[in-house]
């Protein structure tokens, strides 16, 4: 066996199990954990980015994430109601 054939065989012996492990992990993450449908973001002039408006995504354990008409995670539609509204921006402490 020449040294080129040994190197090719060694590369295949290392890469093949790695690729199989990556495909199994990807399948597990997509199917079992619900990571197959990522939330899509659009550019926003106000805060840089926001989730795509009027979208629904199925995430972990069949949970539904709803993005309303202004790109916020809520089922409340802002443009359909004439009442005054207050919007708080911030993290979990807010």
PDB file of N, CA and C in Angstrom:
ATOM      1  N   UNK A   1       0.847  -1.176   0.000  1.00  0.00           N
ATOM      2  CA  UNK A   1       0.000   0.000   0.000  1.00  0.00           C
ATOM      3  C   UNK A   1       0.894   1.241   0.000  1.00  0.00           C
ATOM      4  N   UNK A   2       0.656   2.120  -0.922  1.00  0.00           N
ATOM      5  CA  UNK A   2       1.489   3.320  -1.015  1.00  0.00           C
ATOM      6  C   UNK A   2       1.086   4.328   0.069  1.00  0.00           C
ATOM      7  N   UNK A   3       1.938   5.300   0.277  1.00  0.00           N
ATOM      8  CA  UNK A   3       1.684   6.293   1.324  1.00  0.00           C
ATOM      9  C   UNK A   3       0.472   7.171   0.991  1.00  0.00           C
ATOM     10  N   UNK A   4       0.167   7.399  -0.279  1.00  0.00           N
ATOM     11  CA  UNK A   4      -1.017   8.185  -0.674  1.00  0.00           C
ATOM     12  C   UNK A   4      -2.288   7.420  -0.335  1.00  0.00           C
ATOM     13  N   UNK A   5      -2.304   6.129  -0.621  1.00  0.00           N
ATOM     14  CA  UNK A   5      -3.475   5.322  -0.301  1.00  0.00           C
ATOM     15  C   UNK A   5      -3.682   5.258   1.208  1.00  0.00           C
ATOM     16  N   UNK A   6      -2.600   5.185   1.981  1.00  0.00           N
ATOM     17  CA  UNK A   6      -2.721   5.163   3.439  1.00  0.00           C
ATOM     18  C   UNK A   6      -3.297   6.465   3.958  1.00  0.00           C
ATOM     19  N   UNK A   7      -2.846   7.584   3.416  1.00  0.00           N
ATOM     20  CA  UNK A   7      -3.375   8.885   3.847  1.00  0.00           C
ATOM     21  C   UNK A   7      -4.848   9.033   3.494  1.00  0.00           C
ATOM     22  N   UNK A   8      -5.239   8.610   2.308  1.00  0.00           N
ATOM     23  CA  UNK A   8      -6.646   8.672   1.895  1.00  0.00           C
ATOM     24  C   UNK A   8      -7.492   7.776   2.787  1.00  0.00           C
ATOM     25  N   UNK A   9      -7.016   6.578   3.056  1.00  0.00           N
ATOM     26  CA  UNK A   9      -7.739   5.662   3.929  1.00  0.00           C
ATOM     27  C   UNK A   9      -7.880   6.246   5.338  1.00  0.00           C
ATOM     28  N   UNK A  10      -6.818   6.843   5.856  1.00  0.00           N
ATOM     29  CA  UNK A  10      -6.854   7.458   7.181  1.00  0.00           C
ATOM     30  C   UNK A  10      -7.827   8.635   7.219  1.00  0.00           C
ATOM     31  N   UNK A  11      -7.826   9.453   6.179  1.00  0.00           N
ATOM     32  CA  UNK A  11      -8.760  10.582   6.121  1.00  0.00           C
ATOM     33  C   UNK A  11     -10.200  10.089   6.100  1.00  0.00           C
ATOM     34  N   UNK A  12     -10.493   9.065   5.323  1.00  0.00           N
ATOM     35  CA  UNK A  12     -11.849   8.511   5.258  1.00  0.00           C
ATOM     36  C   UNK A  12     -12.228   7.901   6.602  1.00  0.00           C
ATOM     37  N   UNK A  13     -11.292   7.192   7.233  1.00  0.00           N
ATOM     38  CA  UNK A  13     -11.561   6.559   8.523  1.00  0.00           C
ATOM     39  C   UNK A  13     -11.848   7.585   9.615  1.00  0.00           C
ATOM     40  N   UNK A  14     -11.292   8.774   9.501  1.00  0.00           N
ATOM     41  CA  UNK A  14     -11.536   9.824  10.495  1.00  0.00           C
ATOM     42  C   UNK A  14     -12.783  10.636  10.141  1.00  0.00           C
ATOM     43  N   UNK A  15     -12.948  11.004   8.887  1.00  0.00           N
ATOM     44  CA  UNK A  15     -14.039  11.889   8.484  1.00  0.00           C
ATOM     45  C   UNK A  15     -15.404  11.205   8.452  1.00  0.00           C
ATOM     46  N   UNK A  16     -15.472   9.968   8.053  1.00  0.00           N
ATOM     47  CA  UNK A  16     -16.754   9.289   7.918  1.00  0.00           C
ATOM     48  C   UNK A  16     -17.507   9.187   9.244  1.00  0.00           C
ATOM     49  N   UNK A  17     -16.905   8.708  10.331  1.00  0.00           N
ATOM     50  CA  UNK A  17     -17.644   8.681  11.602  1.00  0.00           C
ATOM     51  C   UNK A  17     -18.020  10.075  12.095  1.00  0.00           C
ATOM     52  N   UNK A  18     -17.167  11.061  11.829  1.00  0.00           N
ATOM     53  CA  UNK A  18     -17.470  12.431  12.230  1.00  0.00           C
ATOM     54  C   UNK A  18     -18.696  12.950  11.484  1.00  0.00           C
ATOM     55  N   UNK A  19     -18.758  12.733  10.182  1.00  0.00           N
ATOM     56  CA  UNK A  19     -19.912  13.171   9.396  1.00  0.00           C
ATOM     57  C   UNK A  19     -21.188  12.454   9.825  1.00  0.00           C
ATOM     58  N   UNK A  20     -21.097  11.182  10.107  1.00  0.00           N
ATOM     59  CA  UNK A  20     -22.269  10.431  10.565  1.00  0.00           C
ATOM     60  C   UNK A  20     -22.752  10.992  11.897  1.00  0.00           C
ATOM     61  N   UNK A  21     -21.841  11.294  12.810  1.00  0.00           N
ATOM     62  CA  UNK A  21     -22.220  11.869  14.106  1.00  0.00           C
ATOM     63  C   UNK A  21     -22.878  13.235  13.934  1.00  0.00           C
ATOM     64  N   UNK A  22     -22.379  14.043  13.021  1.00  0.00           N
ATOM     65  CA  UNK A  22     -22.965  15.368  12.774  1.00  0.00           C
ATOM     66  C   UNK A  22     -24.382  15.230  12.234  1.00  0.00           C
ATOM     67  N   UNK A  23     -24.618  14.326  11.296  1.00  0.00           N
ATOM     68  CA  UNK A  23     -25.965  14.138  10.746  1.00  0.00           C
ATOM     69  C   UNK A  23     -26.931  13.612  11.799  1.00  0.00           C
ATOM     70  N   UNK A  24     -26.477  12.701  12.653  1.00  0.00           N
ATOM     71  CA  UNK A  24     -27.341  12.187  13.728  1.00  0.00           C
ATOM     72  C   UNK A  24     -27.681  13.306  14.701  1.00  0.00           C
ATOM     73  N   UNK A  25     -26.717  14.134  15.077  1.00  0.00           N
ATOM     74  CA  UNK A  25     -26.953  15.255  15.979  1.00  0.00           C
ATOM     75  C   UNK A  25     -27.920  16.263  15.368  1.00  0.00           C
ATOM     76  N   UNK A  26     -27.741  16.573  14.103  1.00  0.00           N
ATOM     77  CA  UNK A  26     -28.641  17.523  13.436  1.00  0.00           C
ATOM     78  C   UNK A  26     -30.067  16.978  13.390  1.00  0.00           C
ATOM     79  N   UNK A  27     -30.220  15.720  13.071  1.00  0.00           N
ATOM     80  CA  UNK A  27     -31.546  15.105  13.046  1.00  0.00           C
ATOM     81  C   UNK A  27     -32.178  15.161  14.434  1.00  0.00           C
ATOM     82  N   UNK A  28     -31.414  14.845  15.468  1.00  0.00           N
ATOM     83  CA  UNK A  28     -31.925  14.887  16.839  1.00  0.00           C
ATOM     84  C   UNK A  28     -32.375  16.292  17.214  1.00  0.00           C
ATOM     85  N   UNK A  29     -31.574  17.308  16.896  1.00  0.00           N
ATOM     86  CA  UNK A  29     -31.920  18.680  17.250  1.00  0.00           C
ATOM     87  C   UNK A  29     -33.139  19.176  16.489  1.00  0.00           C
ATOM     88  N   UNK A  30     -33.271  18.802  15.228  1.00  0.00           N
ATOM     89  CA  UNK A  30     -34.412  19.254  14.434  1.00  0.00           C
ATOM     90  C   UNK A  30     -35.706  18.567  14.829  1.00  0.00           C
ATOM     91  N   UNK A  31     -35.662  17.259  14.973  1.00  0.00           N
ATOM     92  CA  UNK A  31     -36.882  16.495  15.194  1.00  0.00           C
ATOM     93  C   UNK A  31     -37.262  16.447  16.674  1.00  0.00           C
ATOM     94  N   UNK A  32     -36.326  16.106  17.528  1.00  0.00           N
ATOM     95  CA  UNK A  32     -36.647  15.895  18.938  1.00  0.00           C
ATOM     96  C   UNK A  32     -36.799  17.196  19.710  1.00  0.00           C
ATOM     97  N   UNK A  33     -35.956  18.170  19.473  1.00  0.00           N
ATOM     98  CA  UNK A  33     -35.987  19.397  20.259  1.00  0.00           C
ATOM     99  C   UNK A  33     -36.738  20.541  19.589  1.00  0.00           C
ATOM    100  N   UNK A  34     -37.141  20.386  18.356  1.00  0.00           N
ATOM    101  CA  UNK A  34     -37.906  21.436  17.698  1.00  0.00           C
ATOM    102  C   UNK A  34     -37.078  22.585  17.169  1.00  0.00           C
ATOM    103  N   UNK A  35     -35.821  22.351  16.851  1.00  0.00           N
ATOM    104  CA  UNK A  35     -34.971  23.426  16.348  1.00  0.00           C
ATOM    105  C   UNK A  35     -34.928  23.474  14.831  1.00  0.00           C
ATOM    106  N   UNK A  36     -35.840  22.813  14.157  1.00  0.00           N
ATOM    107  CA  UNK A  36     -35.806  22.748  12.704  1.00  0.00           C
ATOM    108  C   UNK A  36     -36.358  23.965  12.006  1.00  0.00           C
ATOM    109  N   UNK A  37     -37.109  24.797  12.732  1.00  0.00           N
ATOM    110  CA  UNK A  37     -37.713  25.979  12.119  1.00  0.00           C
ATOM    111  C   UNK A  37     -37.278  27.211  12.918  1.00  0.00           C
ATOM    112  N   UNK A  38     -36.181  27.840  12.547  1.00  0.00           N
ATOM    113  CA  UNK A  38     -35.703  28.995  13.314  1.00  0.00           C
ATOM    114  C   UNK A  38     -36.583  30.217  13.106  1.00  0.00           C
ATOM    115  N   UNK A  39     -36.589  31.105  14.074  1.00  0.00           N
ATOM    116  CA  UNK A  39     -37.331  32.357  13.967  1.00  0.00           C
ATOM    117  C   UNK A  39     -36.554  33.277  13.029  1.00  0.00           C
ATOM    118  N   UNK A  40     -37.228  33.816  12.022  1.00  0.00           N
ATOM    119  CA  UNK A  40     -36.595  34.649  11.000  1.00  0.00           C
ATOM    120  C   UNK A  40     -36.668  36.111  11.443  1.00  0.00           C
ATOM    121  N   UNK A  41     -35.554  36.821  11.301  1.00  0.00           N
ATOM    122  CA  UNK A  41     -35.479  38.228  11.702  1.00  0.00           C
ATOM    123  C   UNK A  41     -35.350  39.125  10.486  1.00  0.00           C
ATOM    124  N   UNK A  42     -35.948  40.329  10.578  1.00  0.00           N
ATOM    125  CA  UNK A  42     -35.839  41.369   9.563  1.00  0.00           C
ATOM    126  C   UNK A  42     -35.122  42.571  10.157  1.00  0.00           C
ATOM    127  N   UNK A  43     -34.567  43.411   9.278  1.00  0.00           N
ATOM    128  CA  UNK A  43     -33.940  44.648   9.739  1.00  0.00           C
ATOM    129  C   UNK A  43     -35.004  45.602  10.255  1.00  0.00           C
ATOM    130  N   UNK A  44     -34.675  46.334  11.318  1.00  0.00           N
ATOM    131  CA  UNK A  44     -35.575  47.332  11.873  1.00  0.00           C
ATOM    132  C   UNK A  44     -34.802  48.631  12.056  1.00  0.00           C
ATOM    133  N   UNK A  45     -35.387  49.720  11.641  1.00  0.00           N
ATOM    134  CA  UNK A  45     -34.731  51.020  11.798  1.00  0.00           C
ATOM    135  C   UNK A  45     -34.712  51.463  13.256  1.00  0.00           C
ATOM    136  N   UNK A  46     -35.638  50.963  14.055  1.00  0.00           N
ATOM    137  CA  UNK A  46     -35.750  51.407  15.445  1.00  0.00           C
ATOM    138  C   UNK A  46     -34.729  50.707  16.333  1.00  0.00           C
ATOM    139  N   UNK A  47     -34.713  49.375  16.339  1.00  0.00           N
ATOM    140  CA  UNK A  47     -33.811  48.661  17.246  1.00  0.00           C
ATOM    141  C   UNK A  47     -32.869  47.690  16.546  1.00  0.00           C
ATOM    142  N   UNK A  48     -32.669  47.821  15.264  1.00  0.00           N
ATOM    143  CA  UNK A  48     -31.662  47.041  14.560  1.00  0.00           C
ATOM    144  C   UNK A  48     -32.185  45.787  13.900  1.00  0.00           C
ATOM    145  N   UNK A  49     -32.989  45.026  14.616  1.00  0.00           N
ATOM    146  CA  UNK A  49     -33.583  43.814  14.052  1.00  0.00           C
ATOM    147  C   UNK A  49     -34.835  43.477  14.846  1.00  0.00           C
ATOM    148  N   UNK A  50     -35.727  42.758  14.226  1.00  0.00           N
ATOM    149  CA  UNK A  50     -36.943  42.298  14.904  1.00  0.00           C
ATOM    150  C   UNK A  50     -37.430  41.042  14.200  1.00  0.00           C
ATOM    151  N   UNK A  51     -38.163  40.189  14.914  1.00  0.00           N
ATOM    152  CA  UNK A  51     -38.705  38.999  14.264  1.00  0.00           C
ATOM    153  C   UNK A  51     -39.661  39.389  13.134  1.00  0.00           C
ATOM    154  N   UNK A  52     -39.706  38.578  12.099  1.00  0.00           N
ATOM    155  CA  UNK A  52     -40.565  38.854  10.948  1.00  0.00           C
ATOM    156  C   UNK A  52     -42.026  38.931  11.398  1.00  0.00           C
ATOM    157  N   UNK A  53     -42.705  40.006  11.006  1.00  0.00           N
ATOM    158  CA  UNK A  53     -44.079  40.266  11.444  1.00  0.00           C
ATOM    159  C   UNK A  53     -45.045  39.211  10.920  1.00  0.00           C
ATOM    160  N   UNK A  54     -46.093  38.984  11.699  1.00  0.00           N
ATOM    161  CA  UNK A  54     -47.189  38.060  11.388  1.00  0.00           C
ATOM    162  C   UNK A  54     -46.673  36.670  11.020  1.00  0.00           C
ATOM    163  N   UNK A  55     -45.955  36.069  11.957  1.00  0.00           N
ATOM    164  CA  UNK A  55     -45.400  34.735  11.746  1.00  0.00           C
ATOM    165  C   UNK A  55     -45.758  33.836  12.920  1.00  0.00           C
ATOM    166  N   UNK A  56     -45.788  32.550  12.668  1.00  0.00           N
ATOM    167  CA  UNK A  56     -45.969  31.558  13.724  1.00  0.00           C
ATOM    168  C   UNK A  56     -44.947  30.460  13.534  1.00  0.00           C
ATOM    169  N   UNK A  57     -44.333  30.035  14.640  1.00  0.00           N
ATOM    170  CA  UNK A  57     -43.319  28.996  14.609  1.00  0.00           C
ATOM    171  C   UNK A  57     -43.631  27.966  15.677  1.00  0.00           C
ATOM    172  N   UNK A  58     -43.398  26.700  15.356  1.00  0.00           N
ATOM    173  CA  UNK A  58     -43.544  25.644  16.348  1.00  0.00           C
ATOM    174  C   UNK A  58     -42.161  25.345  16.902  1.00  0.00           C
ATOM    175  N   UNK A  59     -42.028  25.448  18.218  1.00  0.00           N
ATOM    176  CA  UNK A  59     -40.729  25.272  18.864  1.00  0.00           C
ATOM    177  C   UNK A  59     -40.744  24.062  19.789  1.00  0.00           C
ATOM    178  N   UNK A  60     -40.091  24.144  20.913  1.00  0.00           N
ATOM    179  CA  UNK A  60     -39.907  23.034  21.845  1.00  0.00           C
ATOM    180  C   UNK A  60     -41.242  22.454  22.312  1.00  0.00           C
ATOM    181  N   UNK A  61     -41.341  21.142  22.283  1.00  0.00           N
ATOM    182  CA  UNK A  61     -42.515  20.407  22.774  1.00  0.00           C
ATOM    183  C   UNK A  61     -43.819  20.889  22.170  1.00  0.00           C
ATOM    184  N   UNK A  62     -43.800  21.319  20.923  1.00  0.00           N
ATOM    185  CA  UNK A  62     -45.018  21.741  20.238  1.00  0.00           C
ATOM    186  C   UNK A  62     -45.512  23.124  20.619  1.00  0.00           C
ATOM    187  N   UNK A  63     -44.727  23.880  21.360  1.00  0.00           N
ATOM    188  CA  UNK A  63     -45.119  25.234  21.737  1.00  0.00           C
ATOM    189  C   UNK A  63     -45.129  26.129  20.506  1.00  0.00           C
ATOM    190  N   UNK A  64     -46.115  26.998  20.417  1.00  0.00           N
ATOM    191  CA  UNK A  64     -46.267  27.907  19.289  1.00  0.00           C
ATOM    192  C   UNK A  64     -45.771  29.293  19.689  1.00  0.00           C
ATOM    193  N   UNK A  65     -44.851  29.852  18.899  1.00  0.00           N
ATOM    194  CA  UNK A  65     -44.377  31.224  19.084  1.00  0.00           C
ATOM    195  C   UNK A  65     -45.073  32.068  18.030  1.00  0.00           C
ATOM    196  N   UNK A  66     -45.823  33.079  18.473  1.00  0.00           N
ATOM    197  CA  UNK A  66     -46.575  33.944  17.565  1.00  0.00           C
ATOM    198  C   UNK A  66     -45.938  35.327  17.545  1.00  0.00           C
ATOM    199  N   UNK A  67     -45.652  35.829  16.359  1.00  0.00           N
ATOM    200  CA  UNK A  67     -45.110  37.176  16.172  1.00  0.00           C
ATOM    201  C   UNK A  67     -46.238  38.028  15.590  1.00  0.00           C
ATOM    202  N   UNK A  68     -46.560  39.139  16.272  1.00  0.00           N
ATOM    203  CA  UNK A  68     -47.697  39.952  15.830  1.00  0.00           C
ATOM    204  C   UNK A  68     -47.338  40.875  14.667  1.00  0.00           C
ATOM    205  N   UNK A  69     -48.209  41.820  14.375  1.00  0.00           N
ATOM    206  CA  UNK A  69     -48.062  42.664  13.185  1.00  0.00           C
ATOM    207  C   UNK A  69     -46.936  43.696  13.277  1.00  0.00           C
ATOM    208  N   UNK A  70     -46.385  43.936  14.456  1.00  0.00           N
ATOM    209  CA  UNK A  70     -45.277  44.887  14.582  1.00  0.00           C
ATOM    210  C   UNK A  70     -43.960  44.189  14.938  1.00  0.00           C
ATOM    211  N   UNK A  71     -43.931  42.861  14.908  1.00  0.00           N
ATOM    212  CA  UNK A  71     -42.706  42.108  15.130  1.00  0.00           C
ATOM    213  C   UNK A  71     -42.414  41.773  16.575  1.00  0.00           C
ATOM    214  N   UNK A  72     -43.435  41.787  17.437  1.00  0.00           N
ATOM    215  CA  UNK A  72     -43.261  41.445  18.845  1.00  0.00           C
ATOM    216  C   UNK A  72     -43.857  40.071  19.122  1.00  0.00           C
ATOM    217  N   UNK A  73     -43.308  39.358  20.092  1.00  0.00           N
ATOM    218  CA  UNK A  73     -43.820  38.030  20.445  1.00  0.00           C
ATOM    219  C   UNK A  73     -45.089  38.188  21.263  1.00  0.00           C
ATOM    220  N   UNK A  74     -46.205  38.285  20.567  1.00  0.00           N
ATOM    221  CA  UNK A  74     -47.501  38.472  21.210  1.00  0.00           C
ATOM    222  C   UNK A  74     -48.586  38.131  20.211  1.00  0.00           C
ATOM    223  N   UNK A  75     -49.766  37.787  20.723  1.00  0.00           N
ATOM    224  CA  UNK A  75     -50.911  37.561  19.840  1.00  0.00           C
ATOM    225  C   UNK A  75     -51.741  38.830  19.690  1.00  0.00           C
ATOM    226  N   UNK A  76     -51.429  39.876  20.447  1.00  0.00           N
ATOM    227  CA  UNK A  76     -52.148  41.141  20.396  1.00  0.00           C
ATOM    228  C   UNK A  76     -51.774  41.893  19.130  1.00  0.00           C
ATOM    229  N   UNK A  77     -52.775  42.244  18.313  1.00  0.00           N
ATOM    230  CA  UNK A  77     -52.535  42.993  17.076  1.00  0.00           C
ATOM    231  C   UNK A  77     -52.662  44.487  17.350  1.00  0.00           C
ATOM    232  N   UNK A  78     -51.607  45.219  17.099  1.00  0.00           N
ATOM    233  CA  UNK A  78     -51.579  46.644  17.414  1.00  0.00           C
ATOM    234  C   UNK A  78     -52.394  47.478  16.437  1.00  0.00           C
ATOM    235  N   UNK A  79     -52.420  47.123  15.183  1.00  0.00           N
ATOM    236  CA  UNK A  79     -53.089  47.951  14.172  1.00  0.00           C
ATOM    237  C   UNK A  79     -54.594  47.753  14.146  1.00  0.00           C
ATOM    238  N   UNK A  80     -55.121  46.739  14.822  1.00  0.00           N
ATOM    239  CA  UNK A  80     -56.552  46.455  14.768  1.00  0.00           C
ATOM    240  C   UNK A  80     -57.333  47.124  15.880  1.00  0.00           C
ATOM    241  N   UNK A  81     -56.676  47.791  16.824  1.00  0.00           N
ATOM    242  CA  UNK A  81     -57.347  48.330  17.992  1.00  0.00           C
ATOM    243  C   UNK A  81     -56.973  49.797  18.158  1.00  0.00           C
ATOM    244  N   UNK A  82     -57.948  50.641  18.468  1.00  0.00           N
ATOM    245  CA  UNK A  82     -57.689  52.066  18.611  1.00  0.00           C
ATOM    246  C   UNK A  82     -57.415  52.490  20.045  1.00  0.00           C
ATOM    247  N   UNK A  83     -57.347  51.562  20.985  1.00  0.00           N
ATOM    248  CA  UNK A  83     -57.054  51.899  22.377  1.00  0.00           C
ATOM    249  C   UNK A  83     -55.616  52.362  22.520  1.00  0.00           C
ATOM    250  N   UNK A  84     -55.353  53.151  23.588  1.00  0.00           N
ATOM    251  CA  UNK A  84     -53.988  53.585  23.854  1.00  0.00           C
ATOM    252  C   UNK A  84     -53.203  52.398  24.401  1.00  0.00           C
ATOM    253  N   UNK A  85     -51.942  52.333  24.007  1.00  0.00           N
ATOM    254  CA  UNK A  85     -51.104  51.205  24.380  1.00  0.00           C
ATOM    255  C   UNK A  85     -49.802  51.691  24.981  1.00  0.00           C
ATOM    256  N   UNK A  86     -49.221  50.865  25.865  1.00  0.00           N
ATOM    257  CA  UNK A  86     -47.911  51.148  26.443  1.00  0.00           C
ATOM    258  C   UNK A  86     -47.001  49.994  26.072  1.00  0.00           C
ATOM    259  N   UNK A  87     -45.840  50.314  25.552  1.00  0.00           N
ATOM    260  CA  UNK A  87     -44.872  49.298  25.159  1.00  0.00           C
ATOM    261  C   UNK A  87     -43.619  49.466  26.012  1.00  0.00           C
ATOM    262  N   UNK A  88     -43.232  48.395  26.715  1.00  0.00           N
ATOM    263  CA  UNK A  88     -42.013  48.387  27.519  1.00  0.00           C
ATOM    264  C   UNK A  88     -40.928  47.647  26.747  1.00  0.00           C
ATOM    265  N   UNK A  89     -39.785  48.283  26.579  1.00  0.00           N
ATOM    266  CA  UNK A  89     -38.652  47.660  25.925  1.00  0.00           C
ATOM    267  C   UNK A  89     -37.577  47.366  26.954  1.00  0.00           C
ATOM    268  N   UNK A  90     -36.991  46.205  26.879  1.00  0.00           N
ATOM    269  CA  UNK A  90     -35.929  45.858  27.822  1.00  0.00           C
ATOM    270  C   UNK A  90     -35.748  44.360  27.887  1.00  0.00           C
ATOM    271  N   UNK A  91     -35.006  43.937  28.904  1.00  0.00           N
ATOM    272  CA  UNK A  91     -34.758  42.516  29.083  1.00  0.00           C
ATOM    273  C   UNK A  91     -35.707  41.949  30.136  1.00  0.00           C
ATOM    274  N   UNK A  92     -35.353  40.809  30.737  1.00  0.00           N
ATOM    275  CA  UNK A  92     -36.247  40.144  31.681  1.00  0.00           C
ATOM    276  C   UNK A  92     -36.447  40.965  32.952  1.00  0.00           C
ATOM    277  N   UNK A  93     -35.529  41.858  33.305  1.00  0.00           N
ATOM    278  CA  UNK A  93     -35.686  42.685  34.503  1.00  0.00           C
ATOM    279  C   UNK A  93     -36.786  43.716  34.297  1.00  0.00           C
ATOM    280  N   UNK A  94     -36.967  44.209  33.094  1.00  0.00           N
ATOM    281  CA  UNK A  94     -37.997  45.198  32.800  1.00  0.00           C
ATOM    282  C   UNK A  94     -39.361  44.625  33.093  1.00  0.00           C
TER     283      UNK A  94
END
